[in-house]
Amino acid sequence: IWDNYLYYERRKGKNLGGSFSIICQHLLIKKVPVFLRLQMGWKTKGFLMGEPYQGSPIFRLGITGSF
């Protein structure tokens, strides 16, 4: 599964920030749905909740499941 998203947020007194990411999800275990998840993208300079203020690349790797 590939998922693209573009996100931006504007707050009073803060500079506008934005990000673009591509997320890939791969099924690892079929009996109990467990997925390997990879996110790659870029964040611009400015405010986005939970992200650093400066612009930077985004790389995240994780494992997720559903029950």
PDB file of N, CA and C in Angstrom:
ATOM      1  N   ILE A   1       0.857  -1.174   0.000  1.00  0.00           N
ATOM      2  CA  ILE A   1       0.000   0.000   0.000  1.00  0.00           C
ATOM      3  C   ILE A   1       0.899   1.231   0.000  1.00  0.00           C
ATOM      4  N   TRP A   2       0.697   2.109  -0.947  1.00  0.00           N
ATOM      5  CA  TRP A   2       1.412   3.387  -0.998  1.00  0.00           C
ATOM      6  C   TRP A   2       0.426   4.488  -0.665  1.00  0.00           C
ATOM      7  N   ASP A   3       0.868   5.454   0.118  1.00  0.00           N
ATOM      8  CA  ASP A   3      -0.009   6.549   0.516  1.00  0.00           C
ATOM      9  C   ASP A   3       0.784   7.847   0.457  1.00  0.00           C
ATOM     10  N   ASN A   4       0.304   8.824  -0.246  1.00  0.00           N
ATOM     11  CA  ASN A   4       0.941  10.141  -0.316  1.00  0.00           C
ATOM     12  C   ASN A   4       0.096  11.131   0.462  1.00  0.00           C
ATOM     13  N   TYR A   5       0.734  12.034   1.170  1.00  0.00           N
ATOM     14  CA  TYR A   5      -0.045  13.099   1.776  1.00  0.00           C
ATOM     15  C   TYR A   5       0.765  14.374   1.894  1.00  0.00           C
ATOM     16  N   LEU A   6       0.066  15.462   1.798  1.00  0.00           N
ATOM     17  CA  LEU A   6       0.648  16.786   1.927  1.00  0.00           C
ATOM     18  C   LEU A   6      -0.052  17.446   3.107  1.00  0.00           C
ATOM     19  N   TYR A   7       0.718  18.007   4.026  1.00  0.00           N
ATOM     20  CA  TYR A   7       0.155  18.546   5.258  1.00  0.00           C
ATOM     21  C   TYR A   7       0.738  19.926   5.520  1.00  0.00           C
ATOM     22  N   TYR A   8      -0.072  20.850   5.923  1.00  0.00           N
ATOM     23  CA  TYR A   8       0.412  22.149   6.361  1.00  0.00           C
ATOM     24  C   TYR A   8      -0.475  22.656   7.486  1.00  0.00           C
ATOM     25  N   GLU A   9       0.083  23.544   8.254  1.00  0.00           N
ATOM     26  CA  GLU A   9      -0.656  24.081   9.400  1.00  0.00           C
ATOM     27  C   GLU A   9      -0.281  25.540   9.590  1.00  0.00           C
ATOM     28  N   ARG A  10      -1.248  26.371   9.889  1.00  0.00           N
ATOM     29  CA  ARG A  10      -1.003  27.788  10.135  1.00  0.00           C
ATOM     30  C   ARG A  10      -1.470  28.104  11.557  1.00  0.00           C
ATOM     31  N   ARG A  11      -0.599  28.702  12.337  1.00  0.00           N
ATOM     32  CA  ARG A  11      -0.939  29.110  13.696  1.00  0.00           C
ATOM     33  C   ARG A  11      -0.652  30.593  13.855  1.00  0.00           C
ATOM     34  N   LYS A  12      -1.437  31.266  14.657  1.00  0.00           N
ATOM     35  CA  LYS A  12      -1.240  32.700  14.890  1.00  0.00           C
ATOM     36  C   LYS A  12       0.154  32.939  15.474  1.00  0.00           C
ATOM     37  N   GLY A  13       0.908  33.815  14.859  1.00  0.00           N
ATOM     38  CA  GLY A  13       2.244  34.147  15.340  1.00  0.00           C
ATOM     39  C   GLY A  13       3.314  33.156  14.922  1.00  0.00           C
ATOM     40  N   LYS A  14       2.981  32.152  14.149  1.00  0.00           N
ATOM     41  CA  LYS A  14       3.957  31.144  13.713  1.00  0.00           C
ATOM     42  C   LYS A  14       4.091  31.200  12.197  1.00  0.00           C
ATOM     43  N   ASN A  15       5.216  30.771  11.682  1.00  0.00           N
ATOM     44  CA  ASN A  15       5.402  30.676  10.240  1.00  0.00           C
ATOM     45  C   ASN A  15       4.737  29.414   9.721  1.00  0.00           C
ATOM     46  N   LEU A  16       4.235  29.480   8.499  1.00  0.00           N
ATOM     47  CA  LEU A  16       3.599  28.343   7.855  1.00  0.00           C
ATOM     48  C   LEU A  16       4.644  27.267   7.559  1.00  0.00           C
ATOM     49  N   GLY A  17       4.313  26.014   7.818  1.00  0.00           N
ATOM     50  CA  GLY A  17       5.185  24.896   7.505  1.00  0.00           C
ATOM     51  C   GLY A  17       4.423  23.871   6.702  1.00  0.00           C
ATOM     52  N   GLY A  18       5.126  22.985   6.024  1.00  0.00           N
ATOM     53  CA  GLY A  18       4.462  21.954   5.242  1.00  0.00           C
ATOM     54  C   GLY A  18       5.338  20.722   5.129  1.00  0.00           C
ATOM     55  N   SER A  19       4.725  19.602   4.756  1.00  0.00           N
ATOM     56  CA  SER A  19       5.496  18.384   4.555  1.00  0.00           C
ATOM     57  C   SER A  19       4.858  17.543   3.463  1.00  0.00           C
ATOM     58  N   PHE A  20       5.675  16.716   2.854  1.00  0.00           N
ATOM     59  CA  PHE A  20       5.224  15.774   1.847  1.00  0.00           C
ATOM     60  C   PHE A  20       5.870  14.440   2.164  1.00  0.00           C
ATOM     61  N   SER A  21       5.085  13.365   2.173  1.00  0.00           N
ATOM     62  CA  SER A  21       5.614  12.043   2.498  1.00  0.00           C
ATOM     63  C   SER A  21       5.019  10.971   1.605  1.00  0.00           C
ATOM     64  N   ILE A  22       5.795   9.927   1.405  1.00  0.00           N
ATOM     65  CA  ILE A  22       5.324   8.701   0.764  1.00  0.00           C
ATOM     66  C   ILE A  22       5.454   7.605   1.815  1.00  0.00           C
ATOM     67  N   ILE A  23       4.365   6.856   2.028  1.00  0.00           N
ATOM     68  CA  ILE A  23       4.352   5.798   3.026  1.00  0.00           C
ATOM     69  C   ILE A  23       4.127   4.467   2.328  1.00  0.00           C
ATOM     70  N   CYS A  24       4.987   3.508   2.616  1.00  0.00           N
ATOM     71  CA  CYS A  24       4.871   2.162   2.059  1.00  0.00           C
ATOM     72  C   CYS A  24       4.606   1.196   3.211  1.00  0.00           C
ATOM     73  N   GLN A  25       3.665   0.310   3.027  1.00  0.00           N
ATOM     74  CA  GLN A  25       3.304  -0.658   4.065  1.00  0.00           C
ATOM     75  C   GLN A  25       3.347  -2.052   3.448  1.00  0.00           C
ATOM     76  N   HIS A  26       4.048  -3.001   4.106  1.00  0.00           N
ATOM     77  CA  HIS A  26       4.206  -4.359   3.591  1.00  0.00           C
ATOM     78  C   HIS A  26       3.765  -5.368   4.648  1.00  0.00           C
ATOM     79  N   LEU A  27       2.900  -6.300   4.267  1.00  0.00           N
ATOM     80  CA  LEU A  27       2.399  -7.328   5.181  1.00  0.00           C
ATOM     81  C   LEU A  27       3.519  -8.304   5.542  1.00  0.00           C
ATOM     82  N   LEU A  28       3.807  -8.474   6.837  1.00  0.00           N
ATOM     83  CA  LEU A  28       4.850  -9.386   7.298  1.00  0.00           C
ATOM     84  C   LEU A  28       4.287 -10.729   7.748  1.00  0.00           C
ATOM     85  N   ILE A  29       3.216 -10.706   8.543  1.00  0.00           N
ATOM     86  CA  ILE A  29       2.613 -11.928   9.097  1.00  0.00           C
ATOM     87  C   ILE A  29       1.132 -11.939   8.729  1.00  0.00           C
ATOM     88  N   LYS A  30       0.670 -13.017   8.078  1.00  0.00           N
ATOM     89  CA  LYS A  30      -0.721 -13.067   7.607  1.00  0.00           C
ATOM     90  C   LYS A  30      -1.717 -13.449   8.686  1.00  0.00           C
ATOM     91  N   LYS A  31      -1.358 -14.385   9.600  1.00  0.00           N
ATOM     92  CA  LYS A  31      -2.307 -14.854  10.621  1.00  0.00           C
ATOM     93  C   LYS A  31      -2.790 -13.711  11.513  1.00  0.00           C
ATOM     94  N   VAL A  32      -1.854 -12.942  12.005  1.00  0.00           N
ATOM     95  CA  VAL A  32      -2.173 -11.724  12.763  1.00  0.00           C
ATOM     96  C   VAL A  32      -1.608 -10.588  11.917  1.00  0.00           C
ATOM     97  N   PRO A  33      -2.451  -9.757  11.299  1.00  0.00           N
ATOM     98  CA  PRO A  33      -1.942  -8.748  10.366  1.00  0.00           C
ATOM     99  C   PRO A  33      -0.904  -7.814  11.001  1.00  0.00           C
ATOM    100  N   VAL A  34       0.368  -8.067  10.677  1.00  0.00           N
ATOM    101  CA  VAL A  34       1.482  -7.244  11.145  1.00  0.00           C
ATOM    102  C   VAL A  34       2.171  -6.683   9.905  1.00  0.00           C
ATOM    103  N   PHE A  35       2.410  -5.377   9.908  1.00  0.00           N
ATOM    104  CA  PHE A  35       2.944  -4.693   8.748  1.00  0.00           C
ATOM    105  C   PHE A  35       4.260  -3.996   9.070  1.00  0.00           C
ATOM    106  N   LEU A  36       5.168  -3.978   8.120  1.00  0.00           N
ATOM    107  CA  LEU A  36       6.364  -3.147   8.164  1.00  0.00           C
ATOM    108  C   LEU A  36       6.001  -1.860   7.442  1.00  0.00           C
ATOM    109  N   ARG A  37       6.319  -0.722   8.046  1.00  0.00           N
ATOM    110  CA  ARG A  37       5.895   0.569   7.503  1.00  0.00           C
ATOM    111  C   ARG A  37       7.102   1.482   7.339  1.00  0.00           C
ATOM    112  N   LEU A  38       7.246   2.097   6.168  1.00  0.00           N
ATOM    113  CA  LEU A  38       8.347   3.001   5.869  1.00  0.00           C
ATOM    114  C   LEU A  38       7.774   4.329   5.386  1.00  0.00           C
ATOM    115  N   GLN A  39       8.253   5.425   5.960  1.00  0.00           N
ATOM    116  CA  GLN A  39       7.839   6.766   5.540  1.00  0.00           C
ATOM    117  C   GLN A  39       9.067   7.538   5.102  1.00  0.00           C
ATOM    118  N   MET A  40       8.999   8.149   3.912  1.00  0.00           N
ATOM    119  CA  MET A  40      10.075   8.991   3.393  1.00  0.00           C
ATOM    120  C   MET A  40       9.444  10.293   2.902  1.00  0.00           C
ATOM    121  N   GLY A  41      10.085  11.404   3.196  1.00  0.00           N
ATOM    122  CA  GLY A  41       9.519  12.676   2.766  1.00  0.00           C
ATOM    123  C   GLY A  41      10.399  13.855   3.089  1.00  0.00           C
ATOM    124  N   TRP A  42       9.795  15.026   3.068  1.00  0.00           N
ATOM    125  CA  TRP A  42      10.508  16.272   3.328  1.00  0.00           C
ATOM    126  C   TRP A  42       9.601  17.228   4.087  1.00  0.00           C
ATOM    127  N   LYS A  43      10.184  17.989   5.012  1.00  0.00           N
ATOM    128  CA  LYS A  43       9.470  18.999   5.778  1.00  0.00           C
ATOM    129  C   LYS A  43      10.111  20.348   5.518  1.00  0.00           C
ATOM    130  N   THR A  44       9.283  21.364   5.238  1.00  0.00           N
ATOM    131  CA  THR A  44       9.796  22.716   5.012  1.00  0.00           C
ATOM    132  C   THR A  44      10.080  23.402   6.345  1.00  0.00           C
ATOM    133  N   LYS A  45      10.814  24.515   6.283  1.00  0.00           N
ATOM    134  CA  LYS A  45      11.040  25.318   7.480  1.00  0.00           C
ATOM    135  C   LYS A  45       9.715  25.944   7.886  1.00  0.00           C
ATOM    136  N   GLY A  46       9.386  25.918   9.149  1.00  0.00           N
ATOM    137  CA  GLY A  46       8.152  26.514   9.656  1.00  0.00           C
ATOM    138  C   GLY A  46       7.494  25.604  10.673  1.00  0.00           C
ATOM    139  N   PHE A  47       6.380  26.021  11.199  1.00  0.00           N
ATOM    140  CA  PHE A  47       5.710  25.307  12.286  1.00  0.00           C
ATOM    141  C   PHE A  47       4.832  24.161  11.771  1.00  0.00           C
ATOM    142  N   LEU A  48       5.071  22.979  12.269  1.00  0.00           N
ATOM    143  CA  LEU A  48       4.184  21.818  12.158  1.00  0.00           C
ATOM    144  C   LEU A  48       4.218  21.126  13.510  1.00  0.00           C
ATOM    145  N   MET A  49       3.069  20.858  14.086  1.00  0.00           N
ATOM    146  CA  MET A  49       3.002  20.261  15.413  1.00  0.00           C
ATOM    147  C   MET A  49       3.761  18.929  15.463  1.00  0.00           C
ATOM    148  N   GLY A  50       4.635  18.787  16.437  1.00  0.00           N
ATOM    149  CA  GLY A  50       5.383  17.549  16.644  1.00  0.00           C
ATOM    150  C   GLY A  50       6.587  17.383  15.742  1.00  0.00           C
ATOM    151  N   GLU A  51       6.973  18.405  15.010  1.00  0.00           N
ATOM    152  CA  GLU A  51       8.120  18.337  14.099  1.00  0.00           C
ATOM    153  C   GLU A  51       9.103  19.452  14.441  1.00  0.00           C
ATOM    154  N   PRO A  52      10.393  19.290  14.088  1.00  0.00           N
ATOM    155  CA  PRO A  52      11.349  20.376  14.314  1.00  0.00           C
ATOM    156  C   PRO A  52      11.016  21.591  13.450  1.00  0.00           C
ATOM    157  N   TYR A  53      11.457  22.775  13.866  1.00  0.00           N
ATOM    158  CA  TYR A  53      11.121  24.010  13.155  1.00  0.00           C
ATOM    159  C   TYR A  53      11.833  24.121  11.809  1.00  0.00           C
ATOM    160  N   GLN A  54      13.083  23.648  11.734  1.00  0.00           N
ATOM    161  CA  GLN A  54      13.842  23.769  10.499  1.00  0.00           C
ATOM    162  C   GLN A  54      13.408  22.722   9.464  1.00  0.00           C
ATOM    163  N   GLY A  55      13.701  22.984   8.202  1.00  0.00           N
ATOM    164  CA  GLY A  55      13.395  22.042   7.139  1.00  0.00           C
ATOM    165  C   GLY A  55      14.333  20.847   7.203  1.00  0.00           C
ATOM    166  N   SER A  56      13.830  19.673   6.917  1.00  0.00           N
ATOM    167  CA  SER A  56      14.660  18.476   6.998  1.00  0.00           C
ATOM    168  C   SER A  56      13.980  17.311   6.285  1.00  0.00           C
ATOM    169  N   PRO A  57      14.782  16.289   5.912  1.00  0.00           N
ATOM    170  CA  PRO A  57      14.173  15.080   5.361  1.00  0.00           C
ATOM    171  C   PRO A  57      13.469  14.302   6.469  1.00  0.00           C
ATOM    172  N   ILE A  58      12.493  13.483   6.081  1.00  0.00           N
ATOM    173  CA  ILE A  58      11.753  12.664   7.034  1.00  0.00           C
ATOM    174  C   ILE A  58      11.969  11.199   6.668  1.00  0.00           C
ATOM    175  N   PHE A  59      12.479  10.396   7.604  1.00  0.00           N
ATOM    176  CA  PHE A  59      12.617   8.960   7.430  1.00  0.00           C
ATOM    177  C   PHE A  59      12.103   8.287   8.697  1.00  0.00           C
ATOM    178  N   ARG A  60      11.112   7.446   8.561  1.00  0.00           N
ATOM    179  CA  ARG A  60      10.573   6.711   9.712  1.00  0.00           C
ATOM    180  C   ARG A  60      10.387   5.259   9.299  1.00  0.00           C
ATOM    181  N   LEU A  61      10.690   4.358  10.219  1.00  0.00           N
ATOM    182  CA  LEU A  61      10.519   2.933  10.010  1.00  0.00           C
ATOM    183  C   LEU A  61       9.792   2.377  11.218  1.00  0.00           C
ATOM    184  N   GLY A  62       8.775   1.555  11.007  1.00  0.00           N
ATOM    185  CA  GLY A  62       8.026   1.042  12.141  1.00  0.00           C
ATOM    186  C   GLY A  62       7.299  -0.253  11.817  1.00  0.00           C
ATOM    187  N   ILE A  63       6.743  -0.838  12.832  1.00  0.00           N
ATOM    188  CA  ILE A  63       5.928  -2.048  12.722  1.00  0.00           C
ATOM    189  C   ILE A  63       4.561  -1.716  13.289  1.00  0.00           C
ATOM    190  N   THR A  64       3.515  -2.094  12.580  1.00  0.00           N
ATOM    191  CA  THR A  64       2.161  -1.822  13.027  1.00  0.00           C
ATOM    192  C   THR A  64       1.316  -3.084  12.829  1.00  0.00           C
ATOM    193  N   GLY A  65       0.238  -3.169  13.551  1.00  0.00           N
ATOM    194  CA  GLY A  65      -0.647  -4.330  13.437  1.00  0.00           C
ATOM    195  C   GLY A  65      -2.086  -3.954  13.643  1.00  0.00           C
ATOM    196  N   SER A  66      -2.955  -4.856  13.278  1.00  0.00           N
ATOM    197  CA  SER A  66      -4.382  -4.658  13.515  1.00  0.00           C
ATOM    198  C   SER A  66      -4.950  -5.929  14.121  1.00  0.00           C
ATOM    199  N   PHE A  67      -5.927  -5.752  14.980  1.00  0.00           N
ATOM    200  CA  PHE A  67      -6.501  -6.896  15.689  1.00  0.00           C
ATOM    201  C   PHE A  67      -7.993  -6.941  15.493  1.00  0.00           C
TER     202      PHE A  67
END
